[in-house]
Amino acid sequence: MAKKNEGFHSAAGLIRYFDAEDEKSPKIPAIAVVITSIVLAIIVEFAHAYWGF
């Protein structure tokens, strides 16, 4: 059986893990994500119109 307070300890460990990884991870600007999404949507729509999927 799980202990009553076990969830809090697990969550605290995950928070520490993600805080440590945040400093090393590459930073992607939000505008790059938005532009990439728009370009990908346009490509998909053109493919849909051209091939008729």
N, C-alpha and C. Protein backbone atom coordinates (compact mmCIF):
# COMPACT_ATOMS: atom_id res chain seq x y z
N MET A 1 0.82 -1.19 0.00
CA MET A 1 0.00 0.00 0.00
C MET A 1 0.87 1.25 0.00
N ALA A 2 0.35 2.30 -0.61
CA ALA A 2 1.09 3.57 -0.65
C ALA A 2 0.85 4.34 0.64
N LYS A 3 1.86 5.03 1.06
CA LYS A 3 1.73 5.86 2.25
C LYS A 3 0.92 7.10 1.92
N LYS A 4 0.34 7.69 2.93
CA LYS A 4 -0.53 8.84 2.72
C LYS A 4 0.24 10.04 2.15
N ASN A 5 1.45 10.29 2.60
CA ASN A 5 2.21 11.47 2.16
C ASN A 5 3.23 11.16 1.07
N GLU A 6 3.14 10.00 0.45
CA GLU A 6 4.14 9.61 -0.55
C GLU A 6 4.08 10.48 -1.80
N GLY A 7 2.92 10.92 -2.21
CA GLY A 7 2.78 11.74 -3.41
C GLY A 7 3.55 13.05 -3.32
N PHE A 8 3.57 13.66 -2.16
CA PHE A 8 4.27 14.93 -1.99
C PHE A 8 5.77 14.74 -2.19
N HIS A 9 6.32 13.68 -1.64
CA HIS A 9 7.76 13.44 -1.79
C HIS A 9 8.11 13.18 -3.25
N SER A 10 7.26 12.45 -3.95
CA SER A 10 7.51 12.18 -5.36
C SER A 10 7.47 13.46 -6.17
N ALA A 11 6.50 14.30 -5.90
CA ALA A 11 6.37 15.56 -6.63
C ALA A 11 7.56 16.47 -6.34
N ALA A 12 8.03 16.49 -5.11
CA ALA A 12 9.18 17.33 -4.76
C ALA A 12 10.41 16.87 -5.52
N GLY A 13 10.59 15.58 -5.68
CA GLY A 13 11.72 15.06 -6.44
C GLY A 13 11.65 15.46 -7.90
N LEU A 14 10.46 15.41 -8.48
CA LEU A 14 10.29 15.81 -9.87
C LEU A 14 10.57 17.30 -10.05
N ILE A 15 10.14 18.11 -9.11
CA ILE A 15 10.39 19.55 -9.20
C ILE A 15 11.88 19.82 -9.16
N ARG A 16 12.60 19.17 -8.27
CA ARG A 16 14.05 19.35 -8.20
C ARG A 16 14.71 18.89 -9.49
N TYR A 17 14.24 17.78 -10.07
CA TYR A 17 14.81 17.25 -11.30
C TYR A 17 14.62 18.25 -12.45
N PHE A 18 13.41 18.76 -12.61
CA PHE A 18 13.15 19.67 -13.71
C PHE A 18 13.82 21.02 -13.50
N ASP A 19 13.99 21.47 -12.28
CA ASP A 19 14.72 22.70 -12.02
C ASP A 19 16.18 22.55 -12.43
N ALA A 20 16.78 21.41 -12.15
CA ALA A 20 18.18 21.18 -12.49
C ALA A 20 18.35 21.07 -14.01
N GLU A 21 17.43 20.42 -14.69
CA GLU A 21 17.52 20.26 -16.13
C GLU A 21 17.25 21.57 -16.86
N ASP A 22 16.49 22.45 -16.26
CA ASP A 22 16.12 23.70 -16.91
C ASP A 22 17.35 24.55 -17.24
N GLU A 23 18.37 24.51 -16.41
CA GLU A 23 19.57 25.32 -16.63
C GLU A 23 20.38 24.81 -17.82
N LYS A 24 20.33 23.51 -18.10
CA LYS A 24 21.13 22.90 -19.16
C LYS A 24 20.39 22.79 -20.49
N SER A 25 19.09 22.89 -20.46
CA SER A 25 18.31 22.64 -21.66
C SER A 25 18.40 23.81 -22.64
N PRO A 26 18.26 23.50 -23.93
CA PRO A 26 18.29 24.58 -24.92
C PRO A 26 17.04 25.44 -24.80
N LYS A 27 17.20 26.70 -25.07
CA LYS A 27 16.07 27.63 -24.99
C LYS A 27 15.54 27.89 -26.39
N ILE A 28 14.25 27.66 -26.58
CA ILE A 28 13.59 27.92 -27.86
C ILE A 28 12.64 29.09 -27.64
N PRO A 29 12.83 30.17 -28.40
CA PRO A 29 11.93 31.31 -28.24
C PRO A 29 10.49 30.95 -28.61
N ALA A 30 9.54 31.54 -27.95
CA ALA A 30 8.13 31.25 -28.20
C ALA A 30 7.75 31.60 -29.63
N ILE A 31 8.29 32.68 -30.17
CA ILE A 31 7.95 33.09 -31.53
C ILE A 31 8.41 32.04 -32.55
N ALA A 32 9.50 31.34 -32.27
CA ALA A 32 9.98 30.28 -33.17
C ALA A 32 8.99 29.12 -33.20
N VAL A 33 8.42 28.80 -32.07
CA VAL A 33 7.43 27.72 -32.00
C VAL A 33 6.17 28.11 -32.77
N VAL A 34 5.74 29.34 -32.60
CA VAL A 34 4.53 29.82 -33.29
C VAL A 34 4.74 29.83 -34.80
N ILE A 35 5.86 30.38 -35.24
CA ILE A 35 6.14 30.45 -36.68
C ILE A 35 6.27 29.06 -37.28
N THR A 36 6.96 28.16 -36.59
CA THR A 36 7.10 26.79 -37.08
C THR A 36 5.74 26.10 -37.20
N SER A 37 4.87 26.33 -36.23
CA SER A 37 3.53 25.73 -36.27
C SER A 37 2.73 26.26 -37.45
N ILE A 38 2.81 27.56 -37.70
CA ILE A 38 2.07 28.16 -38.81
C ILE A 38 2.59 27.64 -40.15
N VAL A 39 3.92 27.59 -40.30
CA VAL A 39 4.51 27.09 -41.54
C VAL A 39 4.12 25.63 -41.76
N LEU A 40 4.18 24.82 -40.72
CA LEU A 40 3.80 23.42 -40.84
C LEU A 40 2.32 23.27 -41.22
N ALA A 41 1.46 24.10 -40.65
CA ALA A 41 0.03 24.05 -40.99
C ALA A 41 -0.18 24.42 -42.45
N ILE A 42 0.55 25.41 -42.95
CA ILE A 42 0.43 25.80 -44.36
C ILE A 42 0.89 24.67 -45.27
N ILE A 43 2.00 24.03 -44.92
CA ILE A 43 2.50 22.90 -45.71
C ILE A 43 1.48 21.76 -45.75
N VAL A 44 0.90 21.46 -44.62
CA VAL A 44 -0.11 20.39 -44.55
C VAL A 44 -1.33 20.74 -45.40
N GLU A 45 -1.77 21.99 -45.35
CA GLU A 45 -2.93 22.40 -46.14
C GLU A 45 -2.64 22.34 -47.64
N PHE A 46 -1.43 22.77 -48.05
CA PHE A 46 -1.06 22.66 -49.46
C PHE A 46 -1.00 21.20 -49.90
N ALA A 47 -0.45 20.34 -49.07
CA ALA A 47 -0.38 18.91 -49.39
C ALA A 47 -1.79 18.33 -49.50
N HIS A 48 -2.66 18.74 -48.61
CA HIS A 48 -4.04 18.27 -48.64
C HIS A 48 -4.73 18.73 -49.94
N ALA A 49 -4.51 19.95 -50.34
CA ALA A 49 -5.14 20.47 -51.55
C ALA A 49 -4.53 19.82 -52.81
N TYR A 50 -3.24 19.58 -52.77
CA TYR A 50 -2.55 19.03 -53.96
C TYR A 50 -2.84 17.54 -54.16
N TRP A 51 -2.71 16.76 -53.09
CA TRP A 51 -2.90 15.31 -53.19
C TRP A 51 -4.29 14.86 -52.79
N GLY A 52 -5.06 15.69 -52.15
CA GLY A 52 -6.44 15.37 -51.80
C GLY A 52 -6.60 14.31 -50.72
N PHE A 53 -5.71 14.28 -49.76
CA PHE A 53 -5.84 13.32 -48.66
C PHE A 53 -6.98 13.71 -47.77
